[in-house]
Amino acid sequence: MSAKMAKDILLVEDNPDDAELTRIAFAEAGIDYRLHVVGDGAQALAYLRGCSTSELPSLVLLDLNLPKLNGREVLEAIRADPATRSLPVVVLTTSAEPFDVDTVYELGANSYIQKPVEFERFVEVVRQIGLYWLALNQPPSKA
């Protein structure tokens, strides 16, 4: 990635092993980033609400099955808040249930990705996420 400075990613993941796996996968993919990890939906919203517009992460990676507030509730709150409404949110979860896929798109997710089980495939998925969302995607200008 040819960015002058690292991008921030908010990872909302309650499983410490999955959070560490994601951190390792980003490192192995060679993506320049700062990963901020929160373990539940309430922490995710508190983190985002504590950011100024210029401090918002470039990307939110959101698990669905979370304590306190689930991923759907977090996504709904992100889209309801004018400060975070246009923030890219990629749902990264183990679920492949059509209900989950349809629901998160209806709530405004930008992408839905089922977590691969194999580490090598997971690294490739993370590399593609980083390439697209952090290098290629043109975000809206922050007014």
C-alpha atoms as a PDB file:
ATOM      1  CA  MET A   1       0.000   0.000   0.000  1.00  0.00           C
ATOM      2  CA  SER A   2       1.476   3.337  -0.958  1.00  0.00           C
ATOM      3  CA  ALA A   3       0.023   5.675   1.610  1.00  0.00           C
ATOM      4  CA  LYS A   4       2.076   8.314   3.359  1.00  0.00           C
ATOM      5  CA  MET A   5       0.635   7.491   6.749  1.00  0.00           C
ATOM      6  CA  ALA A   6      -0.981   4.494   8.355  1.00  0.00           C
ATOM      7  CA  LYS A   7      -4.747   4.227   8.279  1.00  0.00           C
ATOM      8  CA  ASP A   8      -6.803   3.433  11.353  1.00  0.00           C
ATOM      9  CA  ILE A   9      -8.990   0.351  11.447  1.00  0.00           C
ATOM     10  CA  LEU A  10     -11.501  -0.336  14.199  1.00  0.00           C
ATOM     11  CA  LEU A  11     -11.873  -4.074  14.752  1.00  0.00           C
ATOM     12  CA  VAL A  12     -14.970  -4.970  16.752  1.00  0.00           C
ATOM     13  CA  GLU A  13     -14.308  -8.540  17.851  1.00  0.00           C
ATOM     14  CA  ASP A  14     -15.075 -10.225  21.164  1.00  0.00           C
ATOM     15  CA  ASN A  15     -12.881 -13.279  20.609  1.00  0.00           C
ATOM     16  CA  PRO A  16      -9.267 -12.432  21.565  1.00  0.00           C
ATOM     17  CA  ASP A  17      -7.945 -15.272  19.379  1.00  0.00           C
ATOM     18  CA  ASP A  18      -9.794 -13.935  16.315  1.00  0.00           C
ATOM     19  CA  ALA A  19      -8.586 -10.403  17.084  1.00  0.00           C
ATOM     20  CA  GLU A  20      -4.968 -11.599  17.263  1.00  0.00           C
ATOM     21  CA  LEU A  21      -5.428 -13.670  14.095  1.00  0.00           C
ATOM     22  CA  THR A  22      -6.698 -10.544  12.333  1.00  0.00           C
ATOM     23  CA  ARG A  23      -3.720  -8.521  13.595  1.00  0.00           C
ATOM     24  CA  ILE A  24      -1.305 -11.202  12.345  1.00  0.00           C
ATOM     25  CA  ALA A  25      -3.111 -11.458   9.005  1.00  0.00           C
ATOM     26  CA  PHE A  26      -2.851  -7.684   8.423  1.00  0.00           C
ATOM     27  CA  ALA A  27       0.857  -7.801   9.314  1.00  0.00           C
ATOM     28  CA  GLU A  28       1.468 -10.773   6.990  1.00  0.00           C
ATOM     29  CA  ALA A  29      -0.448  -8.996   4.224  1.00  0.00           C
ATOM     30  CA  GLY A  30       1.940  -6.038   4.554  1.00  0.00           C
ATOM     31  CA  ILE A  31      -0.773  -3.450   5.149  1.00  0.00           C
ATOM     32  CA  ASP A  32       0.232  -0.166   6.799  1.00  0.00           C
ATOM     33  CA  TYR A  33      -2.426   0.365   9.457  1.00  0.00           C
ATOM     34  CA  ARG A  34      -3.140   1.012  13.109  1.00  0.00           C
ATOM     35  CA  LEU A  35      -5.559  -1.579  14.467  1.00  0.00           C
ATOM     36  CA  HIS A  36      -7.784  -0.542  17.363  1.00  0.00           C
ATOM     37  CA  VAL A  37      -9.596  -3.509  18.916  1.00  0.00           C
ATOM     38  CA  VAL A  38     -12.717  -3.319  21.054  1.00  0.00           C
ATOM     39  CA  GLY A  39     -14.441  -6.362  22.501  1.00  0.00           C
ATOM     40  CA  ASP A  40     -18.134  -5.485  22.396  1.00  0.00           C
ATOM     41  CA  GLY A  41     -20.690  -3.331  20.645  1.00  0.00           C
ATOM     42  CA  ALA A  42     -20.957  -0.747  23.413  1.00  0.00           C
ATOM     43  CA  GLN A  43     -17.179  -0.207  23.368  1.00  0.00           C
ATOM     44  CA  ALA A  44     -17.301   0.215  19.579  1.00  0.00           C
ATOM     45  CA  LEU A  45     -19.871   2.999  19.785  1.00  0.00           C
ATOM     46  CA  ALA A  46     -18.034   4.666  22.686  1.00  0.00           C
ATOM     47  CA  TYR A  47     -14.805   4.574  20.674  1.00  0.00           C
ATOM     48  CA  LEU A  48     -16.458   6.125  17.600  1.00  0.00           C
ATOM     49  CA  ARG A  49     -18.287   8.769  19.618  1.00  0.00           C
ATOM     50  CA  GLY A  50     -14.979   9.711  21.234  1.00  0.00           C
ATOM     51  CA  CYS A  51     -13.375  10.455  17.866  1.00  0.00           C
ATOM     52  CA  SER A  52     -13.405  13.830  16.181  1.00  0.00           C
ATOM     53  CA  THR A  53     -14.283  13.756  12.486  1.00  0.00           C
ATOM     54  CA  SER A  54     -10.591  13.755  11.570  1.00  0.00           C
ATOM     55  CA  GLU A  55      -9.865  10.915  14.020  1.00  0.00           C
ATOM     56  CA  LEU A  56     -12.497   8.474  12.749  1.00  0.00           C
ATOM     57  CA  PRO A  57     -11.060   5.205  11.466  1.00  0.00           C
ATOM     58  CA  SER A  58     -10.819   4.594   7.745  1.00  0.00           C
ATOM     59  CA  LEU A  59     -12.621   1.273   8.169  1.00  0.00           C
ATOM     60  CA  VAL A  60     -14.690  -0.650  10.710  1.00  0.00           C
ATOM     61  CA  LEU A  61     -14.410  -4.450  10.696  1.00  0.00           C
ATOM     62  CA  LEU A  62     -17.473  -5.649  12.554  1.00  0.00           C
ATOM     63  CA  ASP A  63     -18.292  -9.069  13.956  1.00  0.00           C
ATOM     64  CA  LEU A  64     -22.002  -9.830  14.331  1.00  0.00           C
ATOM     65  CA  ASN A  65     -22.150 -11.875  17.504  1.00  0.00           C
ATOM     66  CA  LEU A  66     -21.003  -9.479  20.188  1.00  0.00           C
ATOM     67  CA  PRO A  67     -21.823  -8.934  23.858  1.00  0.00           C
ATOM     68  CA  LYS A  68     -23.800  -5.900  25.074  1.00  0.00           C
ATOM     69  CA  LEU A  69     -24.795  -4.663  21.586  1.00  0.00           C
ATOM     70  CA  ASN A  70     -24.643  -7.073  18.670  1.00  0.00           C
ATOM     71  CA  GLY A  71     -23.167  -6.173  15.305  1.00  0.00           C
ATOM     72  CA  ARG A  72     -26.556  -5.317  13.799  1.00  0.00           C
ATOM     73  CA  GLU A  73     -27.247  -2.826  16.607  1.00  0.00           C
ATOM     74  CA  VAL A  74     -23.781  -1.291  16.204  1.00  0.00           C
ATOM     75  CA  LEU A  75     -24.269  -0.947  12.451  1.00  0.00           C
ATOM     76  CA  GLU A  76     -27.685   0.624  12.956  1.00  0.00           C
ATOM     77  CA  ALA A  77     -26.217   3.173  15.396  1.00  0.00           C
ATOM     78  CA  ILE A  78     -23.310   3.970  13.049  1.00  0.00           C
ATOM     79  CA  ARG A  79     -25.700   4.646  10.173  1.00  0.00           C
ATOM     80  CA  ALA A  80     -28.061   6.710  12.365  1.00  0.00           C
ATOM     81  CA  ASP A  81     -25.311   9.110  13.472  1.00  0.00           C
ATOM     82  CA  PRO A  82     -24.467  11.851  10.914  1.00  0.00           C
ATOM     83  CA  ALA A  83     -20.835  11.848  12.126  1.00  0.00           C
ATOM     84  CA  THR A  84     -20.329   8.162  11.241  1.00  0.00           C
ATOM     85  CA  ARG A  85     -23.010   7.565   8.606  1.00  0.00           C
ATOM     86  CA  SER A  86     -20.559   7.326   5.689  1.00  0.00           C
ATOM     87  CA  LEU A  87     -17.917   5.314   7.552  1.00  0.00           C
ATOM     88  CA  PRO A  88     -17.093   2.105   5.643  1.00  0.00           C
ATOM     89  CA  VAL A  89     -18.282  -0.923   7.608  1.00  0.00           C
ATOM     90  CA  VAL A  90     -17.248  -4.412   6.567  1.00  0.00           C
ATOM     91  CA  VAL A  91     -18.967  -7.231   8.417  1.00  0.00           C
ATOM     92  CA  LEU A  92     -16.370  -9.951   9.033  1.00  0.00           C
ATOM     93  CA  THR A  93     -18.054 -12.878  10.704  1.00  0.00           C
ATOM     94  CA  THR A  94     -18.293 -16.657  10.760  1.00  0.00           C
ATOM     95  CA  SER A  95     -21.976 -16.667   9.841  1.00  0.00           C
ATOM     96  CA  ALA A  96     -23.081 -17.480   6.306  1.00  0.00           C
ATOM     97  CA  GLU A  97     -26.783 -17.323   7.172  1.00  0.00           C
ATOM     98  CA  PRO A  98     -28.808 -15.586   4.432  1.00  0.00           C
ATOM     99  CA  PHE A  99     -30.787 -13.758   7.153  1.00  0.00           C
ATOM    100  CA  ASP A 100     -27.583 -12.211   8.516  1.00  0.00           C
ATOM    101  CA  VAL A 101     -26.315 -11.231   5.068  1.00  0.00           C
ATOM    102  CA  ASP A 102     -29.633  -9.660   4.031  1.00  0.00           C
ATOM    103  CA  THR A 103     -30.143  -7.889   7.353  1.00  0.00           C
ATOM    104  CA  VAL A 104     -26.741  -6.206   7.486  1.00  0.00           C
ATOM    105  CA  TYR A 105     -27.033  -4.978   3.914  1.00  0.00           C
ATOM    106  CA  GLU A 106     -30.478  -3.570   4.722  1.00  0.00           C
ATOM    107  CA  LEU A 107     -28.881  -1.791   7.703  1.00  0.00           C
ATOM    108  CA  GLY A 108     -26.225  -0.239   5.460  1.00  0.00           C
ATOM    109  CA  ALA A 109     -23.148  -2.487   5.591  1.00  0.00           C
ATOM    110  CA  ASN A 110     -20.683  -1.824   2.788  1.00  0.00           C
ATOM    111  CA  SER A 111     -19.582  -5.450   2.564  1.00  0.00           C
ATOM    112  CA  TYR A 112     -20.208  -8.853   4.138  1.00  0.00           C
ATOM    113  CA  ILE A 113     -17.373 -11.352   4.349  1.00  0.00           C
ATOM    114  CA  GLN A 114     -17.475 -14.767   5.943  1.00  0.00           C
ATOM    115  CA  LYS A 115     -14.263 -15.431   7.866  1.00  0.00           C
ATOM    116  CA  PRO A 116     -12.285 -18.196   6.191  1.00  0.00           C
ATOM    117  CA  VAL A 117     -11.236 -21.034   8.469  1.00  0.00           C
ATOM    118  CA  GLU A 118      -7.807 -21.607   6.884  1.00  0.00           C
ATOM    119  CA  PHE A 119      -5.149 -19.087   7.965  1.00  0.00           C
ATOM    120  CA  GLU A 120      -3.651 -18.652   4.479  1.00  0.00           C
ATOM    121  CA  ARG A 121      -7.068 -17.880   3.018  1.00  0.00           C
ATOM    122  CA  PHE A 122      -7.799 -15.496   5.917  1.00  0.00           C
ATOM    123  CA  VAL A 123      -4.555 -13.608   5.215  1.00  0.00           C
ATOM    124  CA  GLU A 124      -5.561 -13.293   1.561  1.00  0.00           C
ATOM    125  CA  VAL A 125      -9.027 -12.007   2.518  1.00  0.00           C
ATOM    126  CA  VAL A 126      -7.480  -9.447   4.870  1.00  0.00           C
ATOM    127  CA  ARG A 127      -5.021  -8.402   2.145  1.00  0.00           C
ATOM    128  CA  GLN A 128      -7.918  -7.858  -0.256  1.00  0.00           C
ATOM    129  CA  ILE A 129      -9.859  -5.892   2.380  1.00  0.00           C
ATOM    130  CA  GLY A 130      -6.838  -3.689   2.981  1.00  0.00           C
ATOM    131  CA  LEU A 131      -6.108  -3.218  -0.695  1.00  0.00           C
ATOM    132  CA  TYR A 132      -9.661  -2.230  -1.544  1.00  0.00           C
ATOM    133  CA  TRP A 133     -10.832  -0.265   1.496  1.00  0.00           C
ATOM    134  CA  LEU A 134      -7.555   1.388   2.493  1.00  0.00           C
ATOM    135  CA  ALA A 135      -5.811   1.894  -0.854  1.00  0.00           C
ATOM    136  CA  LEU A 136      -8.300   1.829  -3.735  1.00  0.00           C
ATOM    137  CA  ASN A 137     -11.609   3.009  -2.302  1.00  0.00           C
ATOM    138  CA  GLN A 138     -12.216   6.754  -2.551  1.00  0.00           C
ATOM    139  CA  PRO A 139     -13.898   7.808   0.710  1.00  0.00           C
ATOM    140  CA  PRO A 140     -16.196  10.817   0.907  1.00  0.00           C
ATOM    141  CA  SER A 141     -14.493  14.073   1.790  1.00  0.00           C
ATOM    142  CA  LYS A 142     -14.778  14.936   5.458  1.00  0.00           C
ATOM    143  CA  ALA A 143     -16.458  18.306   5.724  1.00  0.00           C
END
